Amino acid sequence: MRSLGSFESVYEIDLYLNERIEELNQPDQKDGCSMQDVVDYLNENYFDFISLDALAREKYFMNPRYFGKLFKDYTGCTFSQYLTQIRMEHARDYLAKENYTVSQVAYMCGYNSVSYFIQTFKKVYGETPKQFEKTDFCDI
């Protein structure tokens, strides 16, 4: 561990700390978190209000920008893209297999705004949730 006086700038301190944090995030480490832990957390809690900033700071005690970089390096997509993907997959399953309203599905998948949920669903799947319900896919 280097002493604080051995650094010549704040940048060097930041770089050093980020390197130490990255060491903790290696999957073979027993302490700290791995990005697989984060992915598992998102898969299990997709229905909650989750923000990268809060998750990074409050659960994993990391700088949000660095946390986002590690997440993207691990998954290949941004935090919000990944969370949206999980939520949309669950929404599609709920609409296809259950008898829920669009509003219920929106809230069950972590959306506080039904209109934003519909907009996102259409962007991802090319049709609204109502249009999706009417397709043959839902008759499975």
Protein backbone atom coordinates (compact mmCIF):
# COMPACT_ATOMS: atom_id res chain seq x y z
CA MET A 1 0.00 0.00 0.00
CA ARG A 2 1.45 3.35 -1.02
CA SER A 3 1.52 6.27 1.36
CA LEU A 4 -0.50 9.36 0.51
CA GLY A 5 2.67 11.46 0.19
CA SER A 6 4.04 9.26 -2.59
CA PHE A 7 1.45 10.53 -5.08
CA GLU A 8 2.21 13.60 -7.15
CA SER A 9 -1.35 14.45 -8.18
CA VAL A 10 -5.01 13.74 -7.48
CA TYR A 11 -5.08 11.94 -10.83
CA GLU A 12 -2.43 9.47 -9.61
CA ILE A 13 -4.46 8.85 -6.43
CA ASP A 14 -7.61 8.26 -8.48
CA LEU A 15 -5.79 5.91 -10.85
CA TYR A 16 -4.27 3.96 -7.97
CA LEU A 17 -7.61 3.59 -6.19
CA ASN A 18 -9.38 2.51 -9.37
CA GLU A 19 -6.71 -0.15 -9.94
CA ARG A 20 -7.23 -1.46 -6.40
CA ILE A 21 -11.01 -1.50 -6.90
CA GLU A 22 -10.63 -3.38 -10.18
CA GLU A 23 -8.55 -6.01 -8.37
CA LEU A 24 -11.44 -6.49 -5.94
CA ASN A 25 -13.83 -6.99 -8.85
CA GLN A 26 -12.01 -9.95 -10.33
CA PRO A 27 -14.29 -13.02 -10.21
CA ASP A 28 -11.71 -15.11 -8.37
CA GLN A 29 -11.64 -12.72 -5.42
CA LYS A 30 -13.61 -13.76 -2.34
CA ASP A 31 -14.04 -10.18 -1.08
CA GLY A 32 -15.51 -7.23 -2.95
CA CYS A 33 -18.00 -7.63 -5.76
CA SER A 34 -17.77 -9.15 -9.18
CA MET A 35 -19.77 -7.88 -12.08
CA GLN A 36 -21.55 -11.24 -12.09
CA ASP A 37 -22.87 -10.29 -8.63
CA VAL A 38 -24.27 -7.11 -10.15
CA VAL A 39 -25.86 -8.97 -13.05
CA ASP A 40 -27.41 -11.46 -10.61
CA TYR A 41 -28.70 -8.58 -8.48
CA LEU A 42 -30.34 -6.93 -11.50
CA ASN A 43 -31.91 -10.21 -12.62
CA GLU A 44 -33.40 -10.71 -9.16
CA ASN A 45 -34.48 -7.09 -8.54
CA TYR A 46 -35.44 -5.75 -11.98
CA PHE A 47 -38.87 -4.70 -10.65
CA ASP A 48 -37.40 -2.22 -8.13
CA PHE A 49 -36.32 1.33 -8.81
CA ILE A 50 -32.64 0.82 -9.62
CA SER A 51 -30.19 3.47 -10.69
CA LEU A 52 -26.56 3.00 -11.57
CA ASP A 53 -25.59 5.87 -9.30
CA ALA A 54 -27.37 4.52 -6.22
CA LEU A 55 -26.28 0.94 -6.82
CA ALA A 56 -22.65 1.91 -7.33
CA ARG A 57 -22.46 4.22 -4.34
CA GLU A 58 -24.74 2.54 -1.79
CA LYS A 59 -24.37 -1.17 -2.48
CA TYR A 60 -20.90 -1.54 -4.01
CA PHE A 61 -19.21 1.64 -2.69
CA MET A 62 -17.76 2.56 -6.06
CA ASN A 63 -17.53 5.61 -8.25
CA PRO A 64 -20.59 5.43 -10.57
CA ARG A 65 -18.61 6.26 -13.73
CA TYR A 66 -16.04 3.59 -13.02
CA PHE A 67 -18.78 1.14 -12.02
CA GLY A 68 -20.56 1.82 -15.32
CA LYS A 69 -17.34 1.22 -17.24
CA LEU A 70 -16.73 -2.09 -15.49
CA PHE A 71 -20.33 -3.11 -16.11
CA LYS A 72 -20.13 -2.30 -19.82
CA ASP A 73 -16.80 -4.11 -20.14
CA TYR A 74 -18.35 -7.19 -18.52
CA THR A 75 -21.75 -7.27 -20.26
CA GLY A 76 -21.09 -5.48 -23.54
CA CYS A 77 -23.91 -3.00 -22.94
CA THR A 78 -24.58 -0.07 -20.67
CA PHE A 79 -26.27 -0.46 -17.30
CA SER A 80 -29.52 1.08 -18.53
CA GLN A 81 -29.53 -1.01 -21.73
CA TYR A 82 -29.07 -4.18 -19.69
CA LEU A 83 -31.77 -3.27 -17.17
CA THR A 84 -34.19 -2.37 -19.98
CA GLN A 85 -33.45 -5.69 -21.71
CA ILE A 86 -34.24 -7.65 -18.54
CA ARG A 87 -37.41 -5.68 -17.89
CA MET A 88 -38.64 -6.06 -21.46
CA GLU A 89 -38.03 -9.83 -21.44
CA HIS A 90 -40.09 -10.15 -18.26
CA ALA A 91 -42.79 -7.85 -19.65
CA ARG A 92 -43.05 -9.96 -22.78
CA ASP A 93 -43.36 -13.12 -20.67
CA TYR A 94 -46.05 -11.57 -18.46
CA LEU A 95 -48.04 -10.40 -21.48
CA ALA A 96 -47.70 -13.74 -23.26
CA LYS A 97 -48.42 -16.11 -20.40
CA GLU A 98 -50.42 -14.25 -17.78
CA ASN A 99 -53.66 -12.33 -17.70
CA TYR A 100 -52.30 -8.94 -16.61
CA THR A 101 -53.19 -5.50 -17.90
CA VAL A 102 -50.52 -3.38 -19.55
CA SER A 103 -50.50 -1.11 -16.48
CA GLN A 104 -49.95 -4.06 -14.15
CA VAL A 105 -47.10 -5.36 -16.29
CA ALA A 106 -45.49 -1.92 -16.40
CA TYR A 107 -45.45 -1.65 -12.60
CA MET A 108 -44.39 -5.28 -12.14
CA CYS A 109 -41.38 -4.61 -14.37
CA GLY A 110 -40.20 -1.50 -12.52
CA TYR A 111 -41.81 1.26 -14.58
CA ASN A 112 -43.60 4.06 -12.76
CA SER A 113 -44.94 5.50 -16.00
CA VAL A 114 -47.19 3.34 -18.16
CA SER A 115 -46.68 5.59 -21.17
CA TYR A 116 -42.88 5.31 -20.87
CA PHE A 117 -43.25 1.53 -20.55
CA ILE A 118 -45.35 1.40 -23.74
CA GLN A 119 -42.89 3.64 -25.56
CA THR A 120 -39.94 1.47 -24.47
CA PHE A 121 -41.76 -1.77 -25.36
CA LYS A 122 -42.52 -0.44 -28.83
CA LYS A 123 -38.93 0.68 -29.33
CA VAL A 124 -37.60 -2.76 -28.34
CA TYR A 125 -40.18 -5.02 -30.04
CA GLY A 126 -41.59 -2.81 -32.81
CA GLU A 127 -45.15 -2.99 -31.49
CA THR A 128 -47.10 -1.83 -28.48
CA PRO A 129 -47.91 -4.23 -25.64
CA LYS A 130 -51.56 -4.32 -26.79
CA GLN A 131 -50.51 -5.23 -30.34
CA PHE A 132 -48.21 -7.90 -28.90
CA GLU A 133 -51.07 -9.40 -26.86
CA LYS A 134 -53.09 -9.85 -30.06
CA THR A 135 -50.37 -11.79 -31.90
CA ASP A 136 -50.33 -15.57 -32.14
CA PHE A 137 -47.24 -15.63 -29.91
CA CYS A 138 -49.44 -14.94 -26.89
CA ASP A 139 -51.57 -18.00 -27.60
CA ILE A 140 -48.75 -20.35 -26.64
